[in-house]
């Protein structure tokens, strides 16, 4: 999968601290930006993605090479 296949609204997962984490892409970044105190070197050839975590609602930023598109799981109450 190439990174250009991801778009805002895609549900993705990635590995974090030995377990899988998932969330929804909220922004595709194609230029250098400051994110959580660090300069992130994104470009149109190597974009990075801001993702809102399903569990914590925190924002993370990752390269597309570590992301995998998944279907969002429905949570059943009761």
Protein backbone atom coordinates (compact mmCIF):
# COMPACT_ATOMS: atom_id res chain seq x y z
CA UNK A 1 0.00 0.00 0.00
CA UNK A 2 1.35 3.43 -0.83
CA UNK A 3 0.90 6.33 1.54
CA UNK A 4 -1.09 8.24 -1.08
CA UNK A 5 -3.95 5.79 -0.54
CA UNK A 6 -4.83 7.31 2.85
CA UNK A 7 -7.27 10.20 3.13
CA UNK A 8 -9.08 12.16 5.81
CA UNK A 9 -11.76 9.95 7.37
CA UNK A 10 -9.92 6.66 6.83
CA UNK A 11 -9.89 4.36 9.87
CA UNK A 12 -6.37 3.02 10.43
CA UNK A 13 -4.34 1.08 12.96
CA UNK A 14 -0.69 1.01 13.96
CA UNK A 15 1.52 -0.63 16.58
CA UNK A 16 2.26 1.37 19.72
CA UNK A 17 4.16 0.04 22.74
CA UNK A 18 3.68 -3.55 21.57
CA UNK A 19 -0.06 -3.37 20.98
CA UNK A 20 -2.34 -2.19 18.20
CA UNK A 21 -3.85 1.28 18.35
CA UNK A 22 -6.51 2.59 16.00
CA UNK A 23 -8.04 5.88 15.02
CA UNK A 24 -9.36 8.10 12.26
CA UNK A 25 -7.21 10.28 10.03
CA UNK A 26 -8.14 13.92 10.61
CA UNK A 27 -5.49 15.60 8.46
CA UNK A 28 -2.96 14.78 5.74
CA UNK A 29 0.23 16.82 6.22
CA UNK A 30 2.42 17.53 3.18
CA UNK A 31 4.86 20.14 4.51
CA UNK A 32 7.13 20.56 7.51
CA UNK A 33 5.20 21.42 10.70
CA UNK A 34 5.71 21.58 14.45
CA UNK A 35 3.64 18.87 16.17
CA UNK A 36 3.68 18.36 19.94
CA UNK A 37 6.99 20.20 20.24
CA UNK A 38 8.78 18.37 17.42
CA UNK A 39 9.45 19.36 13.82
CA UNK A 40 7.86 16.79 11.51
CA UNK A 41 9.33 16.54 8.02
CA UNK A 42 6.37 15.73 5.78
CA UNK A 43 6.17 16.33 2.03
CA UNK A 44 3.83 15.61 -0.85
CA UNK A 45 5.98 12.56 -1.70
CA UNK A 46 6.12 11.39 1.93
CA UNK A 47 3.04 12.76 3.72
CA UNK A 48 2.32 12.20 7.38
CA UNK A 49 -1.11 11.84 8.92
CA UNK A 50 -2.70 13.28 12.06
CA UNK A 51 -4.88 10.60 13.62
CA UNK A 52 -7.43 10.86 16.44
CA UNK A 53 -7.23 7.78 18.67
CA UNK A 54 -10.40 5.71 19.03
CA UNK A 55 -9.74 5.06 22.73
CA UNK A 56 -8.18 8.23 24.15
CA UNK A 57 -9.17 10.87 21.55
CA UNK A 58 -5.52 12.04 21.64
CA UNK A 59 -3.89 13.10 18.39
CA UNK A 60 -0.90 11.24 16.96
CA UNK A 61 1.10 11.85 13.80
CA UNK A 62 2.54 9.01 11.74
CA UNK A 63 4.03 8.23 8.37
CA UNK A 64 1.80 6.19 6.10
CA UNK A 65 4.33 3.36 6.03
CA UNK A 66 3.31 2.23 9.52
CA UNK A 67 -0.46 2.60 9.02
CA UNK A 68 -2.90 -0.05 7.90
CA UNK A 69 -6.47 0.70 6.83
CA UNK A 70 -9.07 -1.22 8.86
CA UNK A 71 -12.83 -1.29 9.21
CA UNK A 72 -14.12 0.53 12.26
CA UNK A 73 -15.44 -1.83 14.92
CA UNK A 74 -18.90 -1.21 16.27
CA UNK A 75 -19.18 -1.07 20.04
CA UNK A 76 -22.29 -2.78 21.40
CA UNK A 77 -23.78 -1.57 24.65
CA UNK A 78 -25.20 -3.97 27.16
